[in-house]
Amino acid sequence: MRLGMRIAWLLAACWVLTQCGAGSGGPGNMGGPTLEERTAKIASEPTGDFYYGRRYFVEKTRFWGYLRKPREPWKRSKLVIFKEDRKTNPDRLPEDGPAGQRYAFDNNHEYRIWGSFTGEEGYEPNSNQFLPVFRLTRYELVDRDPGWLFTPSDRYNRFQITVYPR
């Protein structure tokens, strides 16, 4: 009987753990357009000397989010660290401020981002990654709720990196 209970607990734990993964294969939790609608939107977006950026917040990390060139798919984007010596990032607010007025209030907002890559890489210790550094000079909000980033099955979890280019 004890062995049966241990096996039942083990199976239950395995089931719970498999439900937490980023690639669960089920529908995503970020909402948004169909793949065809997203592809058409990117193909018709304005071009210029700027990037499209998507804020991506994960607790305790200090990267900003993903940047891509106009009309390029998000799968070609880069997760970046902002250098803020000329302009602070859009959500440079206290981490313990009131709701809607605190650091990372703009998770998954889409921006036009002006500036340039510095050619440097910065180490982000909490994700154990070396990431490109981008010197921010200007930004403009494009969309507060653009939905999924890389695929409609993207699943966001604010406590772990779950959204990767694929």
Protein backbone atom coordinates (compact mmCIF):
# COMPACT_ATOMS: atom_id res chain seq x y z
CA MET A 1 0.00 0.00 0.00
CA ARG A 2 2.82 2.45 0.83
CA LEU A 3 4.52 1.71 -2.47
CA GLY A 4 1.26 2.39 -4.30
CA MET A 5 0.90 5.78 -2.58
CA ARG A 6 4.49 6.71 -3.43
CA ILE A 7 3.95 5.81 -7.07
CA ALA A 8 0.70 7.82 -7.14
CA TRP A 9 2.49 10.86 -5.64
CA LEU A 10 5.35 10.49 -8.09
CA LEU A 11 2.98 10.30 -11.06
CA ALA A 12 1.05 13.32 -9.80
CA ALA A 13 4.28 15.31 -9.38
CA CYS A 14 5.44 14.35 -12.89
CA TRP A 15 2.11 15.45 -14.35
CA VAL A 16 2.29 18.83 -12.56
CA LEU A 17 5.87 19.42 -13.71
CA THR A 18 5.08 18.62 -17.33
CA GLN A 19 2.26 21.18 -17.29
CA CYS A 20 4.69 24.00 -16.40
CA GLY A 21 6.93 23.91 -19.47
CA ALA A 22 7.13 26.57 -22.13
CA GLY A 23 6.57 24.11 -24.94
CA SER A 24 3.41 22.53 -23.60
CA GLY A 25 2.10 22.16 -27.15
CA GLY A 26 -1.27 23.60 -26.15
CA PRO A 27 -2.66 27.01 -26.88
CA GLY A 28 -0.66 29.96 -25.62
CA ASN A 29 -1.71 32.37 -22.90
CA MET A 30 -0.70 35.62 -24.62
CA GLY A 31 -3.63 36.00 -27.02
CA GLY A 32 -3.32 37.94 -30.24
CA PRO A 33 -3.76 37.60 -33.97
CA THR A 34 -3.57 34.57 -36.19
CA LEU A 35 -0.22 33.69 -37.72
CA GLU A 36 -1.44 34.99 -41.09
CA GLU A 37 -2.60 38.30 -39.59
CA ARG A 38 0.73 38.81 -37.82
CA THR A 39 2.69 38.00 -40.98
CA ALA A 40 0.61 40.48 -43.01
CA LYS A 41 1.00 43.19 -40.37
CA ILE A 42 4.79 42.83 -40.29
CA ALA A 43 4.98 42.80 -44.12
CA SER A 44 3.09 46.11 -44.32
CA GLU A 45 4.61 47.97 -41.37
CA PRO A 46 6.44 51.28 -41.86
CA THR A 47 10.21 51.10 -42.28
CA GLY A 48 12.85 53.54 -41.19
CA ASP A 49 15.94 54.01 -39.09
CA PHE A 50 14.46 52.38 -36.00
CA TYR A 51 13.66 48.97 -34.53
CA TYR A 52 10.51 47.36 -33.27
CA GLY A 53 10.80 46.38 -29.64
CA ARG A 54 8.72 44.15 -27.43
CA ARG A 55 9.12 44.57 -23.68
CA TYR A 56 9.69 41.21 -22.04
CA PHE A 57 9.79 41.18 -18.26
CA VAL A 58 10.87 38.25 -16.12
CA GLU A 59 11.26 38.73 -12.34
CA LYS A 60 14.79 39.55 -11.16
CA THR A 61 16.24 39.90 -14.69
CA ARG A 62 17.57 43.14 -16.15
CA PHE A 63 17.30 42.62 -19.88
CA TRP A 64 14.76 44.90 -21.54
CA GLY A 65 13.16 42.79 -24.25
CA TYR A 66 13.39 41.84 -27.91
CA LEU A 67 14.34 44.13 -30.81
CA ARG A 68 13.99 43.51 -34.54
CA LYS A 69 14.34 45.53 -37.72
CA PRO A 70 11.18 46.68 -39.51
CA ARG A 71 9.54 43.99 -41.65
CA GLU A 72 11.70 41.23 -40.19
CA PRO A 73 9.95 38.40 -38.33
CA TRP A 74 10.19 38.29 -34.56
CA LYS A 75 12.15 35.04 -34.79
CA ARG A 76 15.10 37.17 -36.01
CA SER A 77 14.88 39.53 -33.03
CA LYS A 78 17.48 39.80 -30.28
CA LEU A 79 16.98 39.90 -26.54
CA VAL A 80 18.83 43.05 -25.44
CA ILE A 81 20.08 45.06 -22.51
CA PHE A 82 19.50 48.80 -22.85
CA LYS A 83 22.27 51.28 -22.24
CA GLU A 84 20.43 54.27 -20.82
CA ASP A 85 23.08 56.97 -20.87
CA ARG A 86 21.07 59.05 -23.38
CA LYS A 87 17.50 57.98 -22.66
CA THR A 88 15.93 55.87 -19.94
CA ASN A 89 13.74 52.97 -20.94
CA PRO A 90 9.95 53.39 -20.97
CA ASP A 91 9.35 51.67 -17.65
CA ARG A 92 12.16 53.16 -15.56
CA LEU A 93 9.95 53.42 -12.49
CA PRO A 94 10.23 52.19 -8.88
CA GLU A 95 9.80 48.45 -8.48
CA ASP A 96 7.43 48.90 -5.55
CA GLY A 97 5.29 51.70 -6.96
CA PRO A 98 1.51 51.56 -7.28
CA ALA A 99 -0.04 49.20 -9.85
CA GLY A 100 0.38 50.54 -13.38
CA GLN A 101 3.15 52.87 -12.23
CA ARG A 102 5.95 50.45 -11.41
CA TYR A 103 8.87 48.85 -13.20
CA ALA A 104 7.68 46.40 -15.88
CA PHE A 105 4.16 47.82 -16.05
CA ASP A 106 4.58 47.63 -19.81
CA ASN A 107 5.35 43.94 -20.19
CA ASN A 108 4.54 42.86 -23.77
CA HIS A 109 3.95 46.43 -24.99
CA GLU A 110 5.33 47.01 -28.48
CA TYR A 111 7.44 50.09 -29.28
CA ARG A 112 9.35 51.74 -32.07
CA ILE A 113 12.85 52.07 -30.67
CA TRP A 114 15.57 54.43 -31.89
CA GLY A 115 19.23 54.02 -31.11
CA SER A 116 22.02 51.65 -32.05
CA PHE A 117 23.77 48.50 -30.97
CA THR A 118 27.03 49.38 -29.20
CA GLY A 119 28.91 46.26 -30.30
CA GLU A 120 29.27 45.29 -26.64
CA GLU A 121 27.72 42.40 -24.79
CA GLY A 122 26.46 42.67 -21.25
CA TYR A 123 26.15 39.85 -18.78
CA GLU A 124 22.71 39.37 -17.28
CA PRO A 125 23.45 37.26 -14.18
CA ASN A 126 19.95 36.09 -13.29
CA SER A 127 19.42 34.49 -16.70
CA ASN A 128 23.12 33.62 -17.12
CA GLN A 129 23.26 35.16 -20.60
CA PHE A 130 25.56 37.49 -22.49
CA LEU A 131 23.28 39.80 -24.46
CA PRO A 132 23.83 42.60 -26.97
CA VAL A 133 23.80 46.12 -25.56
CA PHE A 134 21.61 48.68 -27.30
CA ARG A 135 22.01 52.43 -26.70
CA LEU A 136 18.47 53.81 -26.47
CA THR A 137 17.87 57.35 -27.78
CA ARG A 138 14.09 57.46 -28.28
CA TYR A 139 10.97 55.31 -28.13
CA GLU A 140 7.33 55.49 -29.16
CA LEU A 141 4.53 53.20 -28.01
CA VAL A 142 2.94 51.26 -30.89
CA ASP A 143 0.62 48.74 -29.19
CA ARG A 144 -0.28 48.01 -25.55
CA ASP A 145 -1.61 44.51 -26.26
CA PRO A 146 -0.05 42.95 -29.38
CA GLY A 147 -0.48 39.35 -28.18
CA TRP A 148 1.98 36.51 -28.72
CA LEU A 149 5.54 37.23 -29.77
CA PHE A 150 7.03 34.28 -31.67
CA THR A 151 4.18 31.79 -32.11
CA PRO A 152 0.52 31.66 -31.10
CA SER A 153 1.49 28.93 -28.62
CA ASP A 154 3.80 31.27 -26.63
CA ARG A 155 3.23 30.98 -22.90
CA TYR A 156 4.26 33.82 -20.60
CA ASN A 157 5.44 33.21 -17.06
CA ARG A 158 6.77 36.21 -15.14
CA PHE A 159 9.07 33.99 -13.04
CA GLN A 160 11.02 32.20 -15.80
CA ILE A 161 12.10 32.79 -19.38
CA THR A 162 9.53 31.01 -21.51
CA VAL A 163 9.38 33.09 -24.70
CA TYR A 164 12.25 32.36 -27.12
CA PRO A 165 12.71 32.91 -30.86
CA ARG A 166 11.97 29.68 -32.73
